[in-house]
């Protein structure tokens, strides 16, 4: 299954999609932290949790999917034609330029 994530798909920073016996949940993380000495840190990325269920609907497994643009794992891949963002983490700022592919097996 292939699709492009759009901000309108997210409710409270999260979007879930069911496919086959799996469910993928994408969560936007956009947080700022203020550390000691006035140093600040911004976290701007997305995570993906993939749950797999058996025929009775019981949870079999739960895994993180890799959301590095241009790479993939056995569950998900994120591709783009924009070479300037390859190798970066998927975020709310670049998700509209990427094609997400979820693997059913």
Protein backbone atom coordinates (compact mmCIF):
# COMPACT_ATOMS: atom_id res chain seq x y z
CA UNK A 1 0.00 0.00 0.00
CA UNK A 2 1.41 3.38 -1.01
CA UNK A 3 0.27 6.86 0.05
CA UNK A 4 1.41 10.37 0.87
CA UNK A 5 0.85 11.61 4.41
CA UNK A 6 -0.94 14.94 4.69
CA UNK A 7 -1.50 17.06 7.77
CA UNK A 8 -5.29 16.79 7.37
CA UNK A 9 -5.05 13.01 7.97
CA UNK A 10 -3.80 13.48 11.54
CA UNK A 11 -6.00 13.81 14.63
CA UNK A 12 -4.16 15.07 17.72
CA UNK A 13 -0.84 14.39 16.00
CA UNK A 14 -1.63 10.77 15.15
CA UNK A 15 -2.85 8.86 12.09
CA UNK A 16 -3.66 5.14 11.92
CA UNK A 17 -4.32 2.92 8.94
CA UNK A 18 -5.26 -0.76 8.85
CA UNK A 19 -4.01 -3.03 6.09
CA UNK A 20 -4.19 -6.80 5.95
CA UNK A 21 -3.59 -8.13 9.46
CA UNK A 22 -1.64 -5.01 10.47
CA UNK A 23 -2.24 -1.51 11.75
CA UNK A 24 0.29 1.31 11.33
CA UNK A 25 0.12 4.38 13.55
CA UNK A 26 2.10 7.46 12.56
CA UNK A 27 2.73 10.01 15.31
CA UNK A 28 4.13 13.50 14.81
CA UNK A 29 6.65 14.54 17.44
CA UNK A 30 7.31 18.27 17.43
CA UNK A 31 8.60 19.37 20.82
CA UNK A 32 10.98 21.98 22.18
CA UNK A 33 13.01 21.44 25.33
CA UNK A 34 14.87 24.00 27.38
CA UNK A 35 17.89 22.62 29.15
CA UNK A 36 20.21 23.95 31.79
CA UNK A 37 22.17 27.03 30.85
CA UNK A 38 19.45 28.16 28.46
CA UNK A 39 20.28 25.60 25.77
CA UNK A 40 17.28 24.52 23.74
CA UNK A 41 16.58 21.39 21.76
CA UNK A 42 13.91 20.88 19.12
CA UNK A 43 12.64 17.41 18.22
CA UNK A 44 10.86 17.36 14.86
CA UNK A 45 10.21 13.86 13.57
CA UNK A 46 7.62 11.20 13.08
CA UNK A 47 7.47 7.67 14.47
CA UNK A 48 5.56 4.67 13.17
CA UNK A 49 4.37 1.74 15.28
CA UNK A 50 3.18 -1.33 13.39
CA UNK A 51 0.93 -3.80 15.17
CA UNK A 52 0.17 -7.24 13.74
CA UNK A 53 -2.95 -9.18 14.73
CA UNK A 54 -4.04 -12.80 14.39
CA UNK A 55 -7.37 -13.91 12.89
CA UNK A 56 -9.12 -13.59 16.27
CA UNK A 57 -7.94 -9.98 16.62
CA UNK A 58 -5.32 -10.61 19.29
CA UNK A 59 -2.11 -8.61 19.13
CA UNK A 60 0.78 -10.76 17.88
CA UNK A 61 3.58 -8.20 17.65
CA UNK A 62 4.39 -4.51 17.84
CA UNK A 63 7.38 -2.96 16.05
CA UNK A 64 8.78 0.44 15.18
CA UNK A 65 9.00 1.16 11.46
CA UNK A 66 12.01 2.96 10.02
CA UNK A 67 11.09 6.44 8.81
CA UNK A 68 14.44 7.49 7.35
CA UNK A 69 13.70 9.02 3.96
CA UNK A 70 15.12 6.91 1.15
CA UNK A 71 15.36 3.76 3.26
CA UNK A 72 13.04 1.07 4.49
CA UNK A 73 12.78 -2.03 6.61
CA UNK A 74 10.62 -5.16 6.40
CA UNK A 75 7.49 -3.17 7.31
CA UNK A 76 7.69 0.30 5.79
CA UNK A 77 9.71 2.41 3.34
CA UNK A 78 9.75 6.17 2.75
CA UNK A 79 10.76 7.33 -0.72
CA UNK A 80 11.12 10.71 -2.42
CA UNK A 81 12.34 12.31 -5.61
CA UNK A 82 13.66 15.27 -3.59
CA UNK A 83 17.33 14.40 -3.03
CA UNK A 84 17.72 17.25 -0.52
CA UNK A 85 15.73 15.31 2.12
CA UNK A 86 17.03 11.78 1.52
CA UNK A 87 18.65 10.38 4.65
CA UNK A 88 16.66 12.71 6.92
CA UNK A 89 13.91 11.71 9.31
CA UNK A 90 10.31 11.93 8.16
CA UNK A 91 8.58 14.89 9.81
CA UNK A 92 5.45 17.01 9.45
CA UNK A 93 7.55 19.49 7.43
CA UNK A 94 8.60 17.02 4.71
CA UNK A 95 5.90 14.31 4.74
CA UNK A 96 4.03 15.85 1.79
CA UNK A 97 7.13 15.28 -0.40
CA UNK A 98 7.42 11.59 0.44
CA UNK A 99 5.72 8.38 -0.62
CA UNK A 100 5.14 5.93 2.24
CA UNK A 101 4.89 2.25 1.40
CA UNK A 102 3.55 -0.26 3.91
CA UNK A 103 4.38 -3.92 3.27
CA UNK A 104 1.66 -6.43 4.04
CA UNK A 105 4.05 -9.37 4.45
